Amino acid sequence: MEIPKFSGRTRDWPMFITSFRQSVHDILDSDTERLNILRELLDDDVKRSVSKYLYNPKCYEELMRILERRYGNPQRIIHACLKS
């Protein structure tokens, strides 16, 4: 399964994170590998907004929590989908 690059659009988050979890997070044990792949899949603007977490594997879980809080809010997702 090819994982779509995450653009930073809230409406794209559910498909992105589901694909990422199934193809990377749940398969690989290494946070280093997970982080390397995640870094490649984030749009430049998203990377800039979380840059301090992108190069330290110890920050992987925190980075995932930040992204989930920022893009995974169900009300925001619904609103973004209705707007488009």
N, C-alpha and C. Protein backbone atom coordinates (compact mmCIF):
# COMPACT_ATOMS: atom_id res chain seq x y z
N MET A 1 0.84 -1.18 0.00
CA MET A 1 0.00 0.00 0.00
C MET A 1 0.89 1.24 0.00
N GLU A 2 0.60 2.14 -0.91
CA GLU A 2 1.34 3.40 -0.95
C GLU A 2 0.69 4.39 0.01
N ILE A 3 1.51 5.03 0.82
CA ILE A 3 1.01 6.00 1.78
C ILE A 3 1.04 7.38 1.13
N PRO A 4 -0.09 8.07 1.14
CA PRO A 4 -0.10 9.42 0.58
C PRO A 4 0.69 10.37 1.47
N LYS A 5 1.36 11.32 0.86
CA LYS A 5 2.08 12.34 1.63
C LYS A 5 1.04 13.20 2.33
N PHE A 6 1.31 13.57 3.59
CA PHE A 6 0.36 14.39 4.34
C PHE A 6 0.60 15.86 4.08
N SER A 7 -0.42 16.51 3.56
CA SER A 7 -0.35 17.90 3.11
C SER A 7 -0.52 18.92 4.23
N GLY A 8 -1.06 18.48 5.35
CA GLY A 8 -1.39 19.42 6.41
C GLY A 8 -2.86 19.80 6.41
N ARG A 9 -3.60 19.30 5.43
CA ARG A 9 -5.05 19.56 5.40
C ARG A 9 -5.75 18.59 6.35
N THR A 10 -6.53 19.16 7.24
CA THR A 10 -7.21 18.36 8.26
C THR A 10 -8.04 17.24 7.64
N ARG A 11 -8.71 17.52 6.55
CA ARG A 11 -9.58 16.51 5.93
C ARG A 11 -8.79 15.31 5.41
N ASP A 12 -7.48 15.48 5.17
CA ASP A 12 -6.65 14.38 4.68
C ASP A 12 -6.05 13.53 5.80
N TRP A 13 -6.14 14.01 7.04
CA TRP A 13 -5.51 13.31 8.16
C TRP A 13 -6.01 11.88 8.35
N PRO A 14 -7.32 11.61 8.39
CA PRO A 14 -7.77 10.24 8.66
C PRO A 14 -7.19 9.21 7.69
N MET A 15 -7.19 9.52 6.40
CA MET A 15 -6.64 8.57 5.43
C MET A 15 -5.13 8.41 5.61
N PHE A 16 -4.46 9.53 5.83
CA PHE A 16 -3.01 9.46 6.02
C PHE A 16 -2.65 8.63 7.24
N ILE A 17 -3.21 8.95 8.39
CA ILE A 17 -2.79 8.29 9.62
C ILE A 17 -3.18 6.82 9.62
N THR A 18 -4.30 6.48 9.01
CA THR A 18 -4.69 5.07 8.90
C THR A 18 -3.68 4.31 8.05
N SER A 19 -3.31 4.86 6.92
CA SER A 19 -2.32 4.23 6.04
C SER A 19 -0.97 4.12 6.73
N PHE A 20 -0.57 5.18 7.40
CA PHE A 20 0.73 5.18 8.09
C PHE A 20 0.76 4.13 9.19
N ARG A 21 -0.29 4.06 9.98
CA ARG A 21 -0.32 3.07 11.07
C ARG A 21 -0.27 1.65 10.53
N GLN A 22 -1.07 1.37 9.50
CA GLN A 22 -1.13 0.02 8.96
C GLN A 22 0.17 -0.39 8.27
N SER A 23 0.80 0.54 7.59
CA SER A 23 1.97 0.19 6.77
C SER A 23 3.30 0.42 7.46
N VAL A 24 3.32 1.25 8.50
CA VAL A 24 4.59 1.59 9.14
C VAL A 24 4.54 1.36 10.65
N HIS A 25 3.71 2.11 11.33
CA HIS A 25 3.71 2.09 12.80
C HIS A 25 3.47 0.70 13.37
N ASP A 26 2.49 -0.01 12.84
CA ASP A 26 2.16 -1.34 13.37
C ASP A 26 3.10 -2.43 12.88
N ILE A 27 3.91 -2.14 11.87
CA ILE A 27 4.79 -3.15 11.28
C ILE A 27 6.21 -3.05 11.83
N LEU A 28 6.71 -1.84 11.93
CA LEU A 28 8.09 -1.63 12.36
C LEU A 28 8.17 -1.44 13.87
N ASP A 29 9.21 -2.00 14.48
CA ASP A 29 9.41 -1.86 15.92
C ASP A 29 10.29 -0.67 16.26
N SER A 30 11.06 -0.22 15.31
CA SER A 30 12.05 0.83 15.56
C SER A 30 11.46 2.23 15.37
N ASP A 31 11.52 3.03 16.43
CA ASP A 31 11.07 4.41 16.30
C ASP A 31 11.96 5.20 15.35
N THR A 32 13.20 4.80 15.22
CA THR A 32 14.10 5.45 14.26
C THR A 32 13.58 5.25 12.84
N GLU A 33 13.23 4.03 12.50
CA GLU A 33 12.70 3.74 11.16
C GLU A 33 11.35 4.42 10.95
N ARG A 34 10.50 4.35 11.95
CA ARG A 34 9.18 4.99 11.86
C ARG A 34 9.33 6.49 11.60
N LEU A 35 10.22 7.12 12.35
CA LEU A 35 10.43 8.56 12.23
C LEU A 35 11.01 8.92 10.88
N ASN A 36 11.95 8.13 10.39
CA ASN A 36 12.53 8.40 9.07
C ASN A 36 11.46 8.37 7.98
N ILE A 37 10.58 7.40 8.05
CA ILE A 37 9.52 7.30 7.04
C ILE A 37 8.51 8.43 7.21
N LEU A 38 8.12 8.69 8.45
CA LEU A 38 7.17 9.77 8.70
C LEU A 38 7.70 11.10 8.19
N ARG A 39 8.95 11.37 8.44
CA ARG A 39 9.57 12.62 8.00
C ARG A 39 9.45 12.78 6.48
N GLU A 40 9.62 11.69 5.75
CA GLU A 40 9.52 11.74 4.29
C GLU A 40 8.08 11.94 3.81
N LEU A 41 7.12 11.61 4.65
CA LEU A 41 5.72 11.66 4.25
C LEU A 41 5.01 12.95 4.64
N LEU A 42 5.71 13.84 5.33
CA LEU A 42 5.10 15.10 5.73
C LEU A 42 5.46 16.22 4.77
N ASP A 43 4.47 17.02 4.43
CA ASP A 43 4.68 18.21 3.61
C ASP A 43 5.66 19.15 4.33
N ASP A 44 6.35 19.97 3.57
CA ASP A 44 7.36 20.87 4.14
C ASP A 44 6.80 21.78 5.23
N ASP A 45 5.60 22.31 5.04
CA ASP A 45 5.00 23.18 6.05
C ASP A 45 4.74 22.43 7.35
N VAL A 46 4.27 21.20 7.24
CA VAL A 46 4.02 20.38 8.42
C VAL A 46 5.35 20.09 9.10
N LYS A 47 6.37 19.73 8.33
CA LYS A 47 7.69 19.45 8.90
C LYS A 47 8.23 20.66 9.65
N ARG A 48 8.09 21.83 9.08
CA ARG A 48 8.58 23.04 9.76
C ARG A 48 7.88 23.25 11.10
N SER A 49 6.61 22.94 11.15
CA SER A 49 5.84 23.18 12.38
C SER A 49 6.20 22.22 13.51
N VAL A 50 6.82 21.09 13.17
CA VAL A 50 7.20 20.10 14.20
C VAL A 50 8.68 19.74 14.10
N SER A 51 9.46 20.63 13.56
CA SER A 51 10.86 20.32 13.22
C SER A 51 11.69 19.84 14.40
N LYS A 52 11.43 20.34 15.59
CA LYS A 52 12.27 19.94 16.73
C LYS A 52 12.06 18.48 17.13
N TYR A 53 11.02 17.84 16.63
CA TYR A 53 10.73 16.44 16.96
C TYR A 53 11.16 15.46 15.87
N LEU A 54 11.57 15.96 14.72
CA LEU A 54 11.75 15.11 13.55
C LEU A 54 13.06 14.33 13.47
N TYR A 55 14.00 14.63 14.33
CA TYR A 55 15.31 14.00 14.17
C TYR A 55 15.77 13.22 15.40
N ASN A 56 14.92 13.12 16.40
CA ASN A 56 15.25 12.38 17.60
C ASN A 56 14.22 11.27 17.80
N PRO A 57 14.61 10.02 17.61
CA PRO A 57 13.65 8.92 17.75
C PRO A 57 12.96 8.88 19.11
N LYS A 58 13.58 9.44 20.13
CA LYS A 58 12.95 9.47 21.45
C LYS A 58 11.72 10.38 21.45
N CYS A 59 11.61 11.23 20.45
CA CYS A 59 10.48 12.17 20.34
C CYS A 59 9.35 11.64 19.47
N TYR A 60 9.50 10.44 18.94
CA TYR A 60 8.51 9.91 18.00
C TYR A 60 7.10 9.87 18.60
N GLU A 61 6.95 9.31 19.79
CA GLU A 61 5.62 9.20 20.40
C GLU A 61 5.02 10.58 20.67
N GLU A 62 5.84 11.51 21.14
CA GLU A 62 5.36 12.87 21.37
C GLU A 62 4.94 13.53 20.06
N LEU A 63 5.72 13.32 19.02
CA LEU A 63 5.38 13.86 17.70
C LEU A 63 4.03 13.32 17.23
N MET A 64 3.81 12.05 17.41
CA MET A 64 2.53 11.46 17.01
C MET A 64 1.37 12.06 17.80
N ARG A 65 1.58 12.30 19.09
CA ARG A 65 0.53 12.93 19.90
C ARG A 65 0.24 14.36 19.42
N ILE A 66 1.29 15.10 19.10
CA ILE A 66 1.13 16.48 18.61
C ILE A 66 0.35 16.49 17.30
N LEU A 67 0.74 15.63 16.38
CA LEU A 67 0.06 15.58 15.09
C LEU A 67 -1.41 15.18 15.26
N GLU A 68 -1.65 14.23 16.14
CA GLU A 68 -3.03 13.79 16.39
C GLU A 68 -3.87 14.91 16.99
N ARG A 69 -3.31 15.65 17.94
CA ARG A 69 -4.04 16.78 18.53
C ARG A 69 -4.31 17.86 17.49
N ARG A 70 -3.33 18.11 16.66
CA ARG A 70 -3.44 19.19 15.68
C ARG A 70 -4.39 18.85 14.53
N TYR A 71 -4.34 17.62 14.05
CA TYR A 71 -5.08 17.26 12.84
C TYR A 71 -6.19 16.24 13.05
N GLY A 72 -6.22 15.58 14.20
CA GLY A 72 -7.15 14.47 14.39
C GLY A 72 -8.43 14.80 15.13
N ASN A 73 -8.69 16.07 15.38
CA ASN A 73 -9.91 16.46 16.07
C ASN A 73 -11.12 16.15 15.18
N PRO A 74 -12.02 15.27 15.64
CA PRO A 74 -13.15 14.86 14.80
C PRO A 74 -14.02 16.02 14.31
N GLN A 75 -14.28 16.99 15.18
CA GLN A 75 -15.11 18.13 14.77
C GLN A 75 -14.43 18.93 13.66
N ARG A 76 -13.12 19.13 13.78
CA ARG A 76 -12.38 19.86 12.74
C ARG A 76 -12.38 19.09 11.42
N ILE A 77 -12.24 17.78 11.51
CA ILE A 77 -12.24 16.95 10.30
C ILE A 77 -13.58 17.06 9.59
N ILE A 78 -14.67 16.94 10.36
CA ILE A 78 -16.00 17.04 9.76
C ILE A 78 -16.19 18.42 9.14
N HIS A 79 -15.81 19.45 9.87
CA HIS A 79 -15.94 20.82 9.35
C HIS A 79 -15.13 20.99 8.06
N ALA A 80 -13.90 20.48 8.04
CA ALA A 80 -13.05 20.60 6.85
C ALA A 80 -13.67 19.86 5.67
N CYS A 81 -14.25 18.70 5.93
CA CYS A 81 -14.87 17.93 4.84
C CYS A 81 -16.12 18.64 4.30
N LEU A 82 -16.88 19.24 5.18
CA LEU A 82 -18.08 19.95 4.76
C LEU A 82 -17.75 21.21 3.97
N LYS A 83 -16.63 21.84 4.29
CA LYS A 83 -16.23 23.06 3.59
C LYS A 83 -15.75 22.78 2.17
N SER A 84 -15.23 21.57 1.94
CA SER A 84 -14.65 21.30 0.62
C SER A 84 -15.65 20.76 -0.37
